[in-house]
Amino acid sequence: MTLQTQLILQALLREPAKESWGRKLADETGLMPGTAQPILMRLEAEGWLTSRREDEATAHGEGRPPRRYFALTGVGATLASEALTTARRPRGSALRDLATDRGAGC
């Protein structure tokens, strides 16, 4: 998992029940929107996130383009937490676990 993906997941997990939009997540993580957006789209395609497009009238009333709001799914929140825990482990530990899972740890 890339560091950029980890940053996005950490930001989403701060308030897992709330929606957030791409630009806000980019600002919170220090990523460029062009980096954050593909990560969000990939996580949505994998079922970790849902998204919805903001109503045009609401956005127009605020003088900006419509936002795409993202939220973690229940499964996505669980998978994100697990993935971040694994990513934080020392690399040797994760590799040993992988070898053990594949039966090569004997």
N, C-alpha and C. Protein backbone atom coordinates (compact mmCIF):
# COMPACT_ATOMS: atom_id res chain seq x y z
N MET A 1 0.85 -1.17 0.00
CA MET A 1 0.00 0.00 0.00
C MET A 1 0.90 1.24 0.00
N THR A 2 0.59 2.17 -0.88
CA THR A 2 1.42 3.37 -0.97
C THR A 2 1.20 4.29 0.23
N LEU A 3 2.18 5.13 0.47
CA LEU A 3 2.07 6.11 1.55
C LEU A 3 0.88 7.04 1.29
N GLN A 4 0.66 7.40 0.03
CA GLN A 4 -0.45 8.29 -0.31
C GLN A 4 -1.79 7.65 0.03
N THR A 5 -1.93 6.36 -0.26
CA THR A 5 -3.17 5.66 0.08
C THR A 5 -3.34 5.60 1.59
N GLN A 6 -2.26 5.36 2.30
CA GLN A 6 -2.32 5.35 3.77
C GLN A 6 -2.79 6.69 4.31
N LEU A 7 -2.30 7.79 3.74
CA LEU A 7 -2.71 9.12 4.20
C LEU A 7 -4.20 9.34 3.98
N ILE A 8 -4.70 8.94 2.82
CA ILE A 8 -6.13 9.08 2.53
C ILE A 8 -6.96 8.25 3.51
N LEU A 9 -6.55 7.01 3.75
CA LEU A 9 -7.30 6.15 4.67
C LEU A 9 -7.27 6.70 6.09
N GLN A 10 -6.13 7.21 6.52
CA GLN A 10 -6.04 7.80 7.86
C GLN A 10 -7.00 8.97 7.99
N ALA A 11 -7.06 9.81 6.97
CA ALA A 11 -7.96 10.97 7.00
C ALA A 11 -9.42 10.51 7.06
N LEU A 12 -9.77 9.52 6.28
CA LEU A 12 -11.15 9.02 6.28
C LEU A 12 -11.51 8.36 7.61
N LEU A 13 -10.56 7.69 8.22
CA LEU A 13 -10.83 6.99 9.48
C LEU A 13 -10.94 7.93 10.68
N ARG A 14 -10.51 9.17 10.54
CA ARG A 14 -10.66 10.12 11.66
C ARG A 14 -12.13 10.31 12.02
N GLU A 15 -12.98 10.31 11.01
CA GLU A 15 -14.43 10.41 11.22
C GLU A 15 -15.10 9.46 10.22
N PRO A 16 -15.05 8.16 10.52
CA PRO A 16 -15.48 7.17 9.53
C PRO A 16 -16.95 7.23 9.13
N ALA A 17 -17.79 7.83 9.94
CA ALA A 17 -19.22 7.91 9.60
C ALA A 17 -19.55 9.15 8.78
N LYS A 18 -18.59 10.05 8.59
CA LYS A 18 -18.86 11.30 7.87
C LYS A 18 -18.37 11.23 6.43
N GLU A 19 -19.07 11.95 5.57
CA GLU A 19 -18.64 12.10 4.19
C GLU A 19 -17.58 13.20 4.11
N SER A 20 -16.72 13.07 3.12
CA SER A 20 -15.74 14.11 2.85
C SER A 20 -15.55 14.19 1.34
N TRP A 21 -15.06 15.30 0.85
CA TRP A 21 -14.88 15.44 -0.59
C TRP A 21 -13.40 15.43 -0.92
N GLY A 22 -13.11 15.16 -2.18
CA GLY A 22 -11.74 14.95 -2.64
C GLY A 22 -10.79 16.08 -2.31
N ARG A 23 -11.18 17.31 -2.60
CA ARG A 23 -10.27 18.45 -2.36
C ARG A 23 -9.97 18.60 -0.87
N LYS A 24 -10.98 18.40 -0.03
CA LYS A 24 -10.77 18.50 1.41
C LYS A 24 -9.78 17.43 1.88
N LEU A 25 -9.95 16.21 1.39
CA LEU A 25 -9.03 15.13 1.75
C LEU A 25 -7.62 15.42 1.24
N ALA A 26 -7.52 15.97 0.05
CA ALA A 26 -6.21 16.34 -0.49
C ALA A 26 -5.55 17.38 0.42
N ASP A 27 -6.31 18.39 0.81
CA ASP A 27 -5.76 19.43 1.69
C ASP A 27 -5.35 18.87 3.04
N GLU A 28 -6.17 17.97 3.61
CA GLU A 28 -5.87 17.38 4.92
C GLU A 28 -4.61 16.52 4.89
N THR A 29 -4.35 15.89 3.77
CA THR A 29 -3.23 14.96 3.67
C THR A 29 -1.98 15.59 3.07
N GLY A 30 -2.12 16.78 2.50
CA GLY A 30 -0.98 17.40 1.83
C GLY A 30 -0.74 16.86 0.43
N LEU A 31 -1.68 16.08 -0.08
CA LEU A 31 -1.56 15.53 -1.43
C LEU A 31 -2.16 16.50 -2.44
N MET A 32 -1.71 16.40 -3.66
CA MET A 32 -2.31 17.16 -4.74
C MET A 32 -3.65 16.50 -5.09
N PRO A 33 -4.65 17.29 -5.48
CA PRO A 33 -5.94 16.69 -5.86
C PRO A 33 -5.79 15.63 -6.96
N GLY A 34 -4.86 15.84 -7.88
CA GLY A 34 -4.64 14.87 -8.95
C GLY A 34 -4.04 13.56 -8.47
N THR A 35 -3.52 13.55 -7.26
CA THR A 35 -3.02 12.33 -6.63
C THR A 35 -4.13 11.69 -5.80
N ALA A 36 -4.85 12.50 -5.05
CA ALA A 36 -5.89 11.99 -4.15
C ALA A 36 -7.07 11.39 -4.91
N GLN A 37 -7.50 12.05 -5.97
CA GLN A 37 -8.71 11.62 -6.68
C GLN A 37 -8.62 10.20 -7.23
N PRO A 38 -7.53 9.82 -7.91
CA PRO A 38 -7.45 8.43 -8.39
C PRO A 38 -7.44 7.40 -7.26
N ILE A 39 -6.85 7.75 -6.13
CA ILE A 39 -6.86 6.85 -4.98
C ILE A 39 -8.30 6.65 -4.51
N LEU A 40 -9.04 7.74 -4.40
CA LEU A 40 -10.44 7.65 -3.96
C LEU A 40 -11.27 6.82 -4.94
N MET A 41 -11.05 7.02 -6.22
CA MET A 41 -11.81 6.27 -7.23
C MET A 41 -11.47 4.78 -7.16
N ARG A 42 -10.19 4.45 -6.94
CA ARG A 42 -9.79 3.05 -6.83
C ARG A 42 -10.40 2.41 -5.59
N LEU A 43 -10.36 3.13 -4.46
CA LEU A 43 -10.95 2.60 -3.23
C LEU A 43 -12.46 2.39 -3.38
N GLU A 44 -13.10 3.28 -4.12
CA GLU A 44 -14.53 3.10 -4.38
C GLU A 44 -14.76 1.87 -5.26
N ALA A 45 -13.96 1.70 -6.30
CA ALA A 45 -14.11 0.55 -7.19
C ALA A 45 -13.89 -0.77 -6.44
N GLU A 46 -13.05 -0.73 -5.41
CA GLU A 46 -12.77 -1.93 -4.60
C GLU A 46 -13.80 -2.14 -3.49
N GLY A 47 -14.77 -1.22 -3.37
CA GLY A 47 -15.84 -1.38 -2.39
C GLY A 47 -15.53 -0.83 -1.00
N TRP A 48 -14.41 -0.14 -0.86
CA TRP A 48 -14.05 0.44 0.44
C TRP A 48 -14.81 1.74 0.69
N LEU A 49 -15.21 2.43 -0.38
CA LEU A 49 -15.89 3.72 -0.28
C LEU A 49 -17.16 3.71 -1.11
N THR A 50 -18.07 4.59 -0.74
CA THR A 50 -19.19 4.95 -1.60
C THR A 50 -19.01 6.42 -1.93
N SER A 51 -19.68 6.86 -2.99
CA SER A 51 -19.61 8.28 -3.32
C SER A 51 -20.95 8.76 -3.84
N ARG A 52 -21.12 10.05 -3.77
CA ARG A 52 -22.31 10.68 -4.34
C ARG A 52 -21.91 12.06 -4.82
N ARG A 53 -22.57 12.49 -5.87
CA ARG A 53 -22.30 13.82 -6.41
C ARG A 53 -23.26 14.81 -5.75
N GLU A 54 -22.73 15.92 -5.35
CA GLU A 54 -23.52 16.97 -4.72
C GLU A 54 -24.53 17.54 -5.72
N ASP A 55 -25.65 17.96 -5.22
CA ASP A 55 -26.69 18.59 -6.03
C ASP A 55 -26.13 19.85 -6.70
N GLU A 56 -26.40 19.99 -7.99
CA GLU A 56 -25.91 21.14 -8.77
C GLU A 56 -26.38 22.47 -8.18
N ALA A 57 -27.62 22.51 -7.74
CA ALA A 57 -28.18 23.77 -7.22
C ALA A 57 -27.46 24.21 -5.95
N THR A 58 -27.13 23.26 -5.09
CA THR A 58 -26.41 23.59 -3.86
C THR A 58 -25.05 24.17 -4.19
N ALA A 59 -24.33 23.50 -5.07
CA ALA A 59 -22.99 23.96 -5.45
C ALA A 59 -23.07 25.32 -6.14
N HIS A 60 -24.02 25.46 -7.06
CA HIS A 60 -24.18 26.72 -7.78
C HIS A 60 -24.49 27.87 -6.82
N GLY A 61 -25.32 27.59 -5.82
CA GLY A 61 -25.66 28.60 -4.82
C GLY A 61 -24.45 29.07 -4.03
N GLU A 62 -23.44 28.21 -3.92
CA GLU A 62 -22.21 28.57 -3.21
C GLU A 62 -21.11 29.02 -4.17
N GLY A 63 -21.46 29.11 -5.47
CA GLY A 63 -20.53 29.62 -6.47
C GLY A 63 -19.33 28.72 -6.75
N ARG A 64 -19.56 27.42 -6.76
CA ARG A 64 -18.46 26.48 -7.01
C ARG A 64 -19.00 25.27 -7.75
N PRO A 65 -18.10 24.46 -8.30
CA PRO A 65 -18.56 23.23 -8.96
C PRO A 65 -19.07 22.22 -7.93
N PRO A 66 -19.91 21.28 -8.35
CA PRO A 66 -20.40 20.25 -7.43
C PRO A 66 -19.24 19.39 -6.91
N ARG A 67 -19.36 18.99 -5.67
CA ARG A 67 -18.37 18.11 -5.05
C ARG A 67 -18.81 16.66 -5.19
N ARG A 68 -17.84 15.76 -5.19
CA ARG A 68 -18.13 14.34 -5.06
C ARG A 68 -17.75 13.97 -3.64
N TYR A 69 -18.75 13.55 -2.89
CA TYR A 69 -18.55 13.18 -1.48
C TYR A 69 -18.24 11.68 -1.39
N PHE A 70 -17.28 11.34 -0.54
CA PHE A 70 -16.87 9.95 -0.32
C PHE A 70 -17.09 9.59 1.14
N ALA A 71 -17.45 8.33 1.38
CA ALA A 71 -17.60 7.81 2.75
C ALA A 71 -17.13 6.36 2.77
N LEU A 72 -16.52 5.98 3.87
CA LEU A 72 -16.12 4.59 4.04
C LEU A 72 -17.36 3.70 4.17
N THR A 73 -17.32 2.54 3.57
CA THR A 73 -18.35 1.54 3.82
C THR A 73 -17.99 0.84 5.14
N GLY A 74 -18.90 0.07 5.69
CA GLY A 74 -18.58 -0.68 6.90
C GLY A 74 -17.40 -1.61 6.69
N VAL A 75 -17.44 -2.33 5.58
CA VAL A 75 -16.34 -3.23 5.24
C VAL A 75 -15.07 -2.42 4.97
N GLY A 76 -15.23 -1.29 4.29
CA GLY A 76 -14.08 -0.45 3.99
C GLY A 76 -13.38 0.06 5.24
N ALA A 77 -14.16 0.44 6.24
CA ALA A 77 -13.56 0.92 7.50
C ALA A 77 -12.75 -0.19 8.16
N THR A 78 -13.30 -1.39 8.16
CA THR A 78 -12.59 -2.54 8.74
C THR A 78 -11.32 -2.84 7.96
N LEU A 79 -11.43 -2.91 6.64
CA LEU A 79 -10.27 -3.20 5.80
C LEU A 79 -9.22 -2.10 5.90
N ALA A 80 -9.65 -0.85 5.97
CA ALA A 80 -8.71 0.26 6.09
C ALA A 80 -7.93 0.17 7.40
N SER A 81 -8.62 -0.10 8.48
CA SER A 81 -7.94 -0.24 9.78
C SER A 81 -6.93 -1.38 9.75
N GLU A 82 -7.34 -2.51 9.20
CA GLU A 82 -6.44 -3.66 9.11
C GLU A 82 -5.25 -3.36 8.21
N ALA A 83 -5.49 -2.72 7.08
CA ALA A 83 -4.41 -2.40 6.15
C ALA A 83 -3.40 -1.43 6.78
N LEU A 84 -3.90 -0.45 7.51
CA LEU A 84 -3.00 0.50 8.15
C LEU A 84 -2.20 -0.16 9.26
N THR A 85 -2.81 -1.07 9.99
CA THR A 85 -2.09 -1.81 11.03
C THR A 85 -0.96 -2.63 10.40
N THR A 86 -1.26 -3.31 9.31
CA THR A 86 -0.25 -4.10 8.61
C THR A 86 0.85 -3.20 8.05
N ALA A 87 0.48 -2.06 7.50
CA ALA A 87 1.46 -1.15 6.91
C ALA A 87 2.40 -0.58 7.96
N ARG A 88 1.95 -0.45 9.19
CA ARG A 88 2.78 0.12 10.26
C ARG A 88 3.78 -0.88 10.83
N ARG A 89 3.54 -2.17 10.58
CA ARG A 89 4.43 -3.18 11.13
C ARG A 89 5.81 -3.11 10.47
N PRO A 90 6.84 -3.47 11.21
CA PRO A 90 8.17 -3.55 10.58
C PRO A 90 8.12 -4.52 9.41
N ARG A 91 8.80 -4.18 8.35
CA ARG A 91 8.71 -4.95 7.11
C ARG A 91 9.07 -6.42 7.31
N GLY A 92 10.08 -6.73 8.07
CA GLY A 92 10.47 -8.12 8.29
C GLY A 92 9.35 -8.93 8.92
N SER A 93 8.61 -8.32 9.84
CA SER A 93 7.50 -8.99 10.51
C SER A 93 6.39 -9.32 9.51
N ALA A 94 6.07 -8.38 8.65
CA ALA A 94 5.02 -8.61 7.65
C ALA A 94 5.45 -9.69 6.66
N LEU A 95 6.73 -9.70 6.28
CA LEU A 95 7.21 -10.72 5.35
C LEU A 95 7.19 -12.11 5.99
N ARG A 96 7.54 -12.19 7.28
CA ARG A 96 7.48 -13.47 7.99
C ARG A 96 6.05 -13.99 8.03
N ASP A 97 5.10 -13.09 8.31
CA ASP A 97 3.69 -13.50 8.35
C ASP A 97 3.23 -14.01 6.99
N LEU A 98 3.66 -13.33 5.93
CA LEU A 98 3.28 -13.74 4.58
C LEU A 98 3.86 -15.12 4.28
N ALA A 99 5.11 -15.35 4.64
CA ALA A 99 5.75 -16.65 4.40
C ALA A 99 5.04 -17.74 5.20
N THR A 100 4.66 -17.44 6.43
CA THR A 100 3.96 -18.41 7.27
C THR A 100 2.60 -18.73 6.68
N ASP A 101 1.88 -17.70 6.21
CA ASP A 101 0.57 -17.91 5.60
C ASP A 101 0.65 -18.82 4.38
N ARG A 102 1.77 -18.76 3.68
CA ARG A 102 1.93 -19.56 2.46
C ARG A 102 2.59 -20.91 2.74
N GLY A 103 2.87 -21.18 4.01
CA GLY A 103 3.46 -22.46 4.36
C GLY A 103 4.96 -22.52 4.19
N ALA A 104 5.59 -21.38 3.94
CA ALA A 104 7.04 -21.35 3.73
C ALA A 104 7.79 -21.00 4.99
N GLY A 105 7.11 -20.87 6.09
CA GLY A 105 7.75 -20.42 7.32
C GLY A 105 8.35 -21.52 8.15
N CYS A 106 8.43 -22.73 7.64
CA CYS A 106 8.95 -23.86 8.41
C CYS A 106 10.45 -23.91 8.41
